[in-house]
Amino acid sequence: MGRKSAKGKEKKLKRKEDTAKLAAKMAIVDAANAQEDPMSSMLPFKKFDRNGIHVSILCQKVGQLDGELTEWAFNLTKSNMETLYVDNEWGWNDKKKREEMTDDRAWYLIARDLNNSSHPVALAHFRFDLDNNDEVLYCYEIQLEKTVRRKGLGKFLMQILELLAFKAQMKKVMMTVFKNNLEAQEFFKKKLKYEVDETSPEDSFVSTMMDEEPESYEILSKKLGVKAKEPVAPVHNGFYACGGHCCH
């Protein structure tokens, strides 16, 4: 029996290396998901007191949310987003959205109004996951009730997500945004400096020539370098520097 070629050995070694790298990345994601409270060392970020609102913020796995809170989160998301879904080819489906929001991998930031019997007023639904073999924090939803919009809370929640991602060794924060959701486009791209991710579908010249409809959404992301600085916590209740009804 002849010797195996050097090229064959190189391919086998490359596969082993790729498998080992993927396993290492998955271990980082698993460690992030194994946290009991990702905000346990972030006490200054558990409150937001600015522009007339005073809220507490907790980070919880979906299994820690009671039925009433889960229903509130779904209803707020539906109220804010159903029309945008219907206006795009995705359409709105209660069953599918509930399944997405109650998936075992789901994490939530929940903001409660301390001036109103701790009524929930805002949420961020996210996951620690692999996306195209990159460790990422994927933001599925960030939704605010009307009474707390345009007061800085949306930005604050997003910066908490970025800090959580950094502390958990994620490579970037990602989200999917409808192209016709102009408020979300401005919020993420201009105010938070997110960019179109390399995995986002392109409106190619070929698609245009073939009279194909371009995708109605973009995938945005912000890379988190290993040397990135952690945001500075608010001092003396100061403020440091998705959907159309979610942010600002």
C-alpha atoms as a PDB file:
ATOM      1  CA  MET A   1       0.000   0.000   0.000  1.00  0.00           C
ATOM      2  CA  GLY A   2       1.444   3.304  -1.075  1.00  0.00           C
ATOM      3  CA  ARG A   3       2.049   6.313   1.155  1.00  0.00           C
ATOM      4  CA  LYS A   4      -0.651   8.888   1.603  1.00  0.00           C
ATOM      5  CA  SER A   5       0.124  12.088  -0.201  1.00  0.00           C
ATOM      6  CA  ALA A   6       1.379  15.079   1.734  1.00  0.00           C
ATOM      7  CA  LYS A   7      -1.580  17.032   0.369  1.00  0.00           C
ATOM      8  CA  GLY A   8      -4.022  14.537   1.897  1.00  0.00           C
ATOM      9  CA  LYS A   9      -2.308  14.787   5.276  1.00  0.00           C
ATOM     10  CA  GLU A  10      -2.441  18.575   5.109  1.00  0.00           C
ATOM     11  CA  LYS A  11      -6.189  18.484   4.427  1.00  0.00           C
ATOM     12  CA  LYS A  12      -6.770  16.135   7.341  1.00  0.00           C
ATOM     13  CA  LEU A  13      -4.682  18.330   9.645  1.00  0.00           C
ATOM     14  CA  LYS A  14      -6.570  21.412   8.454  1.00  0.00           C
ATOM     15  CA  ARG A  15      -9.901  19.740   9.237  1.00  0.00           C
ATOM     16  CA  LYS A  16      -8.701  18.897  12.732  1.00  0.00           C
ATOM     17  CA  GLU A  17      -7.537  22.455  13.272  1.00  0.00           C
ATOM     18  CA  ASP A  18     -10.854  23.849  12.042  1.00  0.00           C
ATOM     19  CA  THR A  19     -12.782  21.478  14.294  1.00  0.00           C
ATOM     20  CA  ALA A  20     -10.662  22.472  17.286  1.00  0.00           C
ATOM     21  CA  LYS A  21     -11.156  26.190  16.548  1.00  0.00           C
ATOM     22  CA  LEU A  22     -14.906  25.744  16.240  1.00  0.00           C
ATOM     23  CA  ALA A  23     -15.016  23.797  19.500  1.00  0.00           C
ATOM     24  CA  ALA A  24     -13.075  26.589  21.237  1.00  0.00           C
ATOM     25  CA  LYS A  25     -15.497  29.205  19.915  1.00  0.00           C
ATOM     26  CA  MET A  26     -18.481  27.129  21.027  1.00  0.00           C
ATOM     27  CA  ALA A  27     -16.941  26.783  24.487  1.00  0.00           C
ATOM     28  CA  ILE A  28     -16.827  30.587  24.768  1.00  0.00           C
ATOM     29  CA  VAL A  29     -20.501  30.822  23.779  1.00  0.00           C
ATOM     30  CA  ASP A  30     -21.444  28.046  26.224  1.00  0.00           C
ATOM     31  CA  ALA A  31     -19.601  29.864  29.024  1.00  0.00           C
ATOM     32  CA  ALA A  32     -21.509  33.054  28.228  1.00  0.00           C
ATOM     33  CA  ASN A  33     -24.818  31.205  28.362  1.00  0.00           C
ATOM     34  CA  ALA A  34     -23.855  29.468  31.611  1.00  0.00           C
ATOM     35  CA  GLN A  35     -23.701  32.776  33.499  1.00  0.00           C
ATOM     36  CA  GLU A  36     -26.209  33.131  36.295  1.00  0.00           C
ATOM     37  CA  ASP A  37     -26.342  36.919  36.016  1.00  0.00           C
ATOM     38  CA  PRO A  38     -24.184  38.567  33.325  1.00  0.00           C
ATOM     39  CA  MET A  39     -24.718  41.923  35.058  1.00  0.00           C
ATOM     40  CA  SER A  40     -23.619  40.772  38.520  1.00  0.00           C
ATOM     41  CA  SER A  41     -20.484  42.953  38.368  1.00  0.00           C
ATOM     42  CA  MET A  42     -22.263  45.869  36.693  1.00  0.00           C
ATOM     43  CA  LEU A  43     -24.224  47.415  39.566  1.00  0.00           C
ATOM     44  CA  PRO A  44     -23.963  51.028  38.249  1.00  0.00           C
ATOM     45  CA  PHE A  45     -25.710  49.887  35.058  1.00  0.00           C
ATOM     46  CA  LYS A  46     -28.697  48.385  36.843  1.00  0.00           C
ATOM     47  CA  LYS A  47     -30.393  51.770  37.118  1.00  0.00           C
ATOM     48  CA  PHE A  48     -31.120  54.578  34.689  1.00  0.00           C
ATOM     49  CA  ASP A  49     -32.247  57.919  36.078  1.00  0.00           C
ATOM     50  CA  ARG A  50     -32.415  60.651  33.469  1.00  0.00           C
ATOM     51  CA  ASN A  51     -34.822  62.833  31.497  1.00  0.00           C
ATOM     52  CA  GLY A  52     -37.674  62.252  33.915  1.00  0.00           C
ATOM     53  CA  ILE A  53     -37.554  58.469  34.034  1.00  0.00           C
ATOM     54  CA  HIS A  54     -36.249  56.254  36.819  1.00  0.00           C
ATOM     55  CA  VAL A  55     -35.909  52.564  35.954  1.00  0.00           C
ATOM     56  CA  SER A  56     -34.190  49.462  37.241  1.00  0.00           C
ATOM     57  CA  ILE A  57     -32.593  47.040  34.771  1.00  0.00           C
ATOM     58  CA  LEU A  58     -32.166  43.294  35.209  1.00  0.00           C
ATOM     59  CA  CYS A  59     -30.646  40.638  32.938  1.00  0.00           C
ATOM     60  CA  GLN A  60     -32.509  37.322  32.949  1.00  0.00           C
ATOM     61  CA  LYS A  61     -32.827  34.111  30.980  1.00  0.00           C
ATOM     62  CA  VAL A  62     -36.224  33.587  29.404  1.00  0.00           C
ATOM     63  CA  GLY A  63     -36.921  30.753  31.846  1.00  0.00           C
ATOM     64  CA  GLN A  64     -36.717  33.234  34.719  1.00  0.00           C
ATOM     65  CA  LEU A  65     -39.530  35.392  33.318  1.00  0.00           C
ATOM     66  CA  ASP A  66     -43.007  34.701  34.624  1.00  0.00           C
ATOM     67  CA  GLY A  67     -45.969  34.277  32.302  1.00  0.00           C
ATOM     68  CA  GLU A  68     -47.231  37.816  32.783  1.00  0.00           C
ATOM     69  CA  LEU A  69     -43.873  39.356  31.909  1.00  0.00           C
ATOM     70  CA  THR A  70     -43.442  37.065  28.908  1.00  0.00           C
ATOM     71  CA  GLU A  71     -46.881  38.096  27.632  1.00  0.00           C
ATOM     72  CA  TRP A  72     -46.062  41.781  28.148  1.00  0.00           C
ATOM     73  CA  ALA A  73     -42.827  41.370  26.157  1.00  0.00           C
ATOM     74  CA  PHE A  74     -44.658  39.682  23.275  1.00  0.00           C
ATOM     75  CA  ASN A  75     -47.478  42.239  23.211  1.00  0.00           C
ATOM     76  CA  LEU A  76     -45.063  45.197  23.245  1.00  0.00           C
ATOM     77  CA  THR A  77     -43.042  43.683  20.408  1.00  0.00           C
ATOM     78  CA  LYS A  78     -46.181  42.976  18.384  1.00  0.00           C
ATOM     79  CA  SER A  79     -47.549  46.470  18.961  1.00  0.00           C
ATOM     80  CA  ASN A  80     -44.284  48.064  17.829  1.00  0.00           C
ATOM     81  CA  MET A  81     -43.298  45.745  15.001  1.00  0.00           C
ATOM     82  CA  GLU A  82     -46.308  44.021  13.399  1.00  0.00           C
ATOM     83  CA  THR A  83     -46.901  46.716  10.787  1.00  0.00           C
ATOM     84  CA  LEU A  84     -43.233  46.688   9.726  1.00  0.00           C
ATOM     85  CA  TYR A  85     -43.311  42.911   9.343  1.00  0.00           C
ATOM     86  CA  VAL A  86     -46.521  43.046   7.313  1.00  0.00           C
ATOM     87  CA  ASP A  87     -45.108  45.772   5.053  1.00  0.00           C
ATOM     88  CA  ASN A  88     -42.172  43.485   4.233  1.00  0.00           C
ATOM     89  CA  GLU A  89     -42.164  39.998   2.755  1.00  0.00           C
ATOM     90  CA  TRP A  90     -41.674  38.393   6.171  1.00  0.00           C
ATOM     91  CA  GLY A  91     -45.239  38.944   7.351  1.00  0.00           C
ATOM     92  CA  TRP A  92     -46.231  38.695  11.008  1.00  0.00           C
ATOM     93  CA  ASN A  93     -46.878  35.320  12.620  1.00  0.00           C
ATOM     94  CA  ASP A  94     -47.833  35.213  16.308  1.00  0.00           C
ATOM     95  CA  LYS A  95     -46.799  31.585  16.749  1.00  0.00           C
ATOM     96  CA  LYS A  96     -43.359  31.977  15.176  1.00  0.00           C
ATOM     97  CA  LYS A  97     -42.615  35.186  17.068  1.00  0.00           C
ATOM     98  CA  ARG A  98     -43.639  33.614  20.380  1.00  0.00           C
ATOM     99  CA  GLU A  99     -41.401  30.630  19.682  1.00  0.00           C
ATOM    100  CA  GLU A 100     -38.483  32.933  18.884  1.00  0.00           C
ATOM    101  CA  MET A 101     -38.978  35.036  21.997  1.00  0.00           C
ATOM    102  CA  THR A 102     -39.339  32.029  24.315  1.00  0.00           C
ATOM    103  CA  ASP A 103     -36.518  29.937  22.868  1.00  0.00           C
ATOM    104  CA  ASP A 104     -34.394  28.408  25.638  1.00  0.00           C
ATOM    105  CA  ARG A 105     -31.358  30.393  24.417  1.00  0.00           C
ATOM    106  CA  ALA A 106     -33.083  33.771  24.853  1.00  0.00           C
ATOM    107  CA  TRP A 107     -31.762  36.356  27.300  1.00  0.00           C
ATOM    108  CA  TYR A 108     -33.562  39.564  28.279  1.00  0.00           C
ATOM    109  CA  LEU A 109     -32.779  42.963  29.676  1.00  0.00           C
ATOM    110  CA  ILE A 110     -35.926  44.149  31.432  1.00  0.00           C
ATOM    111  CA  ALA A 111     -36.329  47.789  32.470  1.00  0.00           C
ATOM    112  CA  ARG A 112     -38.938  48.546  35.134  1.00  0.00           C
ATOM    113  CA  ASP A 113     -40.347  51.963  36.011  1.00  0.00           C
ATOM    114  CA  LEU A 114     -39.578  52.615  39.677  1.00  0.00           C
ATOM    115  CA  ASN A 115     -42.006  55.546  39.653  1.00  0.00           C
ATOM    116  CA  ASN A 116     -44.871  53.298  38.585  1.00  0.00           C
ATOM    117  CA  SER A 117     -44.964  50.185  40.770  1.00  0.00           C
ATOM    118  CA  SER A 118     -42.013  48.656  38.867  1.00  0.00           C
ATOM    119  CA  HIS A 119     -44.117  48.309  35.718  1.00  0.00           C
ATOM    120  CA  PRO A 120     -41.970  46.959  32.834  1.00  0.00           C
ATOM    121  CA  VAL A 121     -41.363  49.632  30.198  1.00  0.00           C
ATOM    122  CA  ALA A 122     -38.539  48.339  27.975  1.00  0.00           C
ATOM    123  CA  LEU A 123     -36.821  45.141  26.890  1.00  0.00           C
ATOM    124  CA  ALA A 124     -33.880  43.869  24.924  1.00  0.00           C
ATOM    125  CA  HIS A 125     -34.060  40.271  23.704  1.00  0.00           C
ATOM    126  CA  PHE A 126     -30.658  38.815  22.778  1.00  0.00           C
ATOM    127  CA  ARG A 127     -28.618  35.628  22.522  1.00  0.00           C
ATOM    128  CA  PHE A 128     -24.986  34.599  22.847  1.00  0.00           C
ATOM    129  CA  ASP A 129     -24.430  32.512  19.736  1.00  0.00           C
ATOM    130  CA  LEU A 130     -22.228  31.612  16.784  1.00  0.00           C
ATOM    131  CA  ASP A 131     -22.914  33.414  13.524  1.00  0.00           C
ATOM    132  CA  ASN A 132     -20.832  32.274  10.565  1.00  0.00           C
ATOM    133  CA  ASN A 133     -18.400  30.785  13.103  1.00  0.00           C
ATOM    134  CA  ASP A 134     -18.003  34.091  14.954  1.00  0.00           C
ATOM    135  CA  GLU A 135     -18.893  34.439  18.621  1.00  0.00           C
ATOM    136  CA  VAL A 136     -21.586  37.119  18.715  1.00  0.00           C
ATOM    137  CA  LEU A 137     -24.233  38.708  20.849  1.00  0.00           C
ATOM    138  CA  TYR A 138     -27.249  38.879  18.542  1.00  0.00           C
ATOM    139  CA  CYS A 139     -29.859  41.479  19.476  1.00  0.00           C
ATOM    140  CA  TYR A 140     -33.259  40.170  18.363  1.00  0.00           C
ATOM    141  CA  GLU A 141     -35.397  42.952  19.799  1.00  0.00           C
ATOM    142  CA  ILE A 142     -35.049  46.238  21.623  1.00  0.00           C
ATOM    143  CA  GLN A 143     -38.489  47.617  22.393  1.00  0.00           C
ATOM    144  CA  LEU A 144     -39.639  50.571  24.491  1.00  0.00           C
ATOM    145  CA  GLU A 145     -43.062  51.739  25.537  1.00  0.00           C
ATOM    146  CA  LYS A 146     -44.069  55.171  24.249  1.00  0.00           C
ATOM    147  CA  THR A 147     -43.684  56.864  27.642  1.00  0.00           C
ATOM    148  CA  VAL A 148     -39.929  56.199  27.817  1.00  0.00           C
ATOM    149  CA  ARG A 149     -38.856  56.757  24.206  1.00  0.00           C
ATOM    150  CA  ARG A 150     -36.405  59.460  23.164  1.00  0.00           C
ATOM    151  CA  LYS A 151     -35.024  59.801  26.668  1.00  0.00           C
ATOM    152  CA  GLY A 152     -31.730  57.942  26.243  1.00  0.00           C
ATOM    153  CA  LEU A 153     -32.912  54.578  27.573  1.00  0.00           C
ATOM    154  CA  GLY A 154     -32.605  52.797  24.212  1.00  0.00           C
ATOM    155  CA  LYS A 155     -28.983  53.887  23.879  1.00  0.00           C
ATOM    156  CA  PHE A 156     -28.285  52.837  27.445  1.00  0.00           C
ATOM    157  CA  LEU A 157     -29.690  49.342  26.871  1.00  0.00           C
ATOM    158  CA  MET A 158     -27.620  48.934  23.705  1.00  0.00           C
ATOM    159  CA  GLN A 159     -24.441  49.962  25.490  1.00  0.00           C
ATOM    160  CA  ILE A 160     -25.203  47.408  28.203  1.00  0.00           C
ATOM    161  CA  LEU A 161     -25.452  44.769  25.477  1.00  0.00           C
ATOM    162  CA  GLU A 162     -22.113  45.873  24.052  1.00  0.00           C
ATOM    163  CA  LEU A 163     -20.501  45.642  27.474  1.00  0.00           C
ATOM    164  CA  LEU A 164     -22.031  42.206  28.097  1.00  0.00           C
ATOM    165  CA  ALA A 165     -20.674  41.055  24.748  1.00  0.00           C
ATOM    166  CA  PHE A 166     -17.217  42.431  25.499  1.00  0.00           C
ATOM    167  CA  LYS A 167     -17.082  40.799  28.939  1.00  0.00           C
ATOM    168  CA  ALA A 168     -18.191  37.461  27.452  1.00  0.00           C
ATOM    169  CA  GLN A 169     -15.477  37.614  24.740  1.00  0.00           C
ATOM    170  CA  MET A 170     -17.913  37.946  21.841  1.00  0.00           C
ATOM    171  CA  LYS A 171     -16.435  39.222  18.580  1.00  0.00           C
ATOM    172  CA  LYS A 172     -19.310  41.560  17.745  1.00  0.00           C
ATOM    173  CA  VAL A 173     -22.877  42.658  18.406  1.00  0.00           C
ATOM    174  CA  MET A 174     -25.328  42.043  15.569  1.00  0.00           C
ATOM    175  CA  MET A 175     -28.938  42.719  14.652  1.00  0.00           C
ATOM    176  CA  THR A 176     -31.311  42.518  11.685  1.00  0.00           C
ATOM    177  CA  VAL A 177     -33.010  45.766  10.633  1.00  0.00           C
ATOM    178  CA  PHE A 178     -35.635  46.402   7.955  1.00  0.00           C
ATOM    179  CA  LYS A 179     -34.406  48.812   5.295  1.00  0.00           C
ATOM    180  CA  ASN A 180     -37.647  50.797   5.409  1.00  0.00           C
ATOM    181  CA  ASN A 181     -37.401  51.204   9.185  1.00  0.00           C
ATOM    182  CA  LEU A 182     -35.807  54.615   8.912  1.00  0.00           C
ATOM    183  CA  GLU A 183     -35.808  55.333  12.650  1.00  0.00           C
ATOM    184  CA  ALA A 184     -33.912  52.126  13.394  1.00  0.00           C
ATOM    185  CA  GLN A 185     -31.526  52.732  10.493  1.00  0.00           C
ATOM    186  CA  GLU A 186     -30.652  56.173  11.847  1.00  0.00           C
ATOM    187  CA  PHE A 187     -30.425  54.963  15.438  1.00  0.00           C
ATOM    188  CA  PHE A 188     -28.055  52.072  14.800  1.00  0.00           C
ATOM    189  CA  LYS A 189     -25.975  53.469  11.937  1.00  0.00           C
ATOM    190  CA  LYS A 190     -25.676  57.163  12.785  1.00  0.00           C
ATOM    191  CA  LYS A 191     -26.054  57.296  16.550  1.00  0.00           C
ATOM    192  CA  LEU A 192     -24.464  53.989  17.554  1.00  0.00           C
ATOM    193  CA  LYS A 193     -22.066  53.611  14.590  1.00  0.00           C
ATOM    194  CA  TYR A 194     -23.159  50.139  13.482  1.00  0.00           C
ATOM    195  CA  GLU A 195     -22.209  49.085   9.971  1.00  0.00           C
ATOM    196  CA  VAL A 196     -23.631  46.715   7.394  1.00  0.00           C
ATOM    197  CA  ASP A 197     -22.180  43.305   8.234  1.00  0.00           C
ATOM    198  CA  GLU A 198     -20.248  41.283   5.685  1.00  0.00           C
ATOM    199  CA  THR A 199     -22.924  38.571   5.948  1.00  0.00           C
ATOM    200  CA  SER A 200     -25.739  40.956   4.991  1.00  0.00           C
ATOM    201  CA  PRO A 201     -27.373  40.175   1.622  1.00  0.00           C
ATOM    202  CA  GLU A 202     -26.309  42.567  -1.116  1.00  0.00           C
ATOM    203  CA  ASP A 203     -28.495  44.335  -3.667  1.00  0.00           C
ATOM    204  CA  SER A 204     -26.386  43.013  -6.512  1.00  0.00           C
ATOM    205  CA  PHE A 205     -26.336  44.237 -10.114  1.00  0.00           C
ATOM    206  CA  VAL A 206     -27.235  40.712 -11.256  1.00  0.00           C
ATOM    207  CA  SER A 207     -30.357  40.694  -9.097  1.00  0.00           C
ATOM    208  CA  THR A 208     -31.396  44.033 -10.553  1.00  0.00           C
ATOM    209  CA  MET A 209     -30.857  42.843 -14.140  1.00  0.00           C
ATOM    210  CA  MET A 210     -32.885  39.686 -13.445  1.00  0.00           C
ATOM    211  CA  ASP A 211     -35.683  41.822 -11.999  1.00  0.00           C
ATOM    212  CA  GLU A 212     -35.366  40.109  -8.636  1.00  0.00           C
ATOM    213  CA  GLU A 213     -36.658  41.897  -5.567  1.00  0.00           C
ATOM    214  CA  PRO A 214     -33.831  42.938  -3.227  1.00  0.00           C
ATOM    215  CA  GLU A 215     -33.975  41.765   0.355  1.00  0.00           C
ATOM    216  CA  SER A 216     -36.005  44.010   2.628  1.00  0.00           C
ATOM    217  CA  TYR A 217     -33.530  43.862   5.497  1.00  0.00           C
ATOM    218  CA  GLU A 218     -29.903  44.428   6.413  1.00  0.00           C
ATOM    219  CA  ILE A 219     -27.691  42.743   8.974  1.00  0.00           C
ATOM    220  CA  LEU A 220     -25.804  45.322  11.034  1.00  0.00           C
ATOM    221  CA  SER A 221     -22.902  44.780  13.389  1.00  0.00           C
ATOM    222  CA  LYS A 222     -20.272  46.437  15.530  1.00  0.00           C
ATOM    223  CA  LYS A 223     -16.970  44.659  16.047  1.00  0.00           C
ATOM    224  CA  LEU A 224     -15.572  44.426  19.553  1.00  0.00           C
ATOM    225  CA  GLY A 225     -11.776  44.262  19.430  1.00  0.00           C
ATOM    226  CA  VAL A 226      -9.901  42.433  22.172  1.00  0.00           C
ATOM    227  CA  LYS A 227      -8.294  45.747  23.123  1.00  0.00           C
ATOM    228  CA  ALA A 228     -11.592  47.604  23.233  1.00  0.00           C
ATOM    229  CA  LYS A 229     -12.138  49.744  26.277  1.00  0.00           C
ATOM    230  CA  GLU A 230     -15.065  49.011  28.528  1.00  0.00           C
ATOM    231  CA  PRO A 231     -17.595  51.856  28.693  1.00  0.00           C
ATOM    232  CA  VAL A 232     -17.368  54.051  31.750  1.00  0.00           C
ATOM    233  CA  ALA A 233     -20.264  53.597  34.157  1.00  0.00           C
ATOM    234  CA  PRO A 234     -22.650  56.496  34.750  1.00  0.00           C
ATOM    235  CA  VAL A 235     -21.615  58.807  37.562  1.00  0.00           C
ATOM    236  CA  HIS A 236     -24.195  60.601  39.717  1.00  0.00           C
ATOM    237  CA  ASN A 237     -26.991  59.270  37.486  1.00  0.00           C
ATOM    238  CA  GLY A 238     -25.302  60.710  34.385  1.00  0.00           C
ATOM    239  CA  PHE A 239     -25.537  59.157  30.910  1.00  0.00           C
ATOM    240  CA  TYR A 240     -22.506  57.986  29.053  1.00  0.00           C
ATOM    241  CA  ALA A 241     -21.784  58.028  25.754  1.00  0.00           C
ATOM    242  CA  CYS A 242     -34.353  47.414  15.671  1.00  0.00           C
ATOM    243  CA  GLY A 243     -37.640  48.443  15.523  1.00  0.00           C
ATOM    244  CA  GLY A 244     -38.982  51.835  14.656  1.00  0.00           C
ATOM    245  CA  HIS A 245     -40.573  52.261  18.074  1.00  0.00           C
ATOM    246  CA  CYS A 246     -37.784  50.947  20.189  1.00  0.00           C
ATOM    247  CA  CYS A 247     -34.931  53.288  20.713  1.00  0.00           C
ATOM    248  CA  HIS A 248     -33.831  56.878  21.440  1.00  0.00           C
END
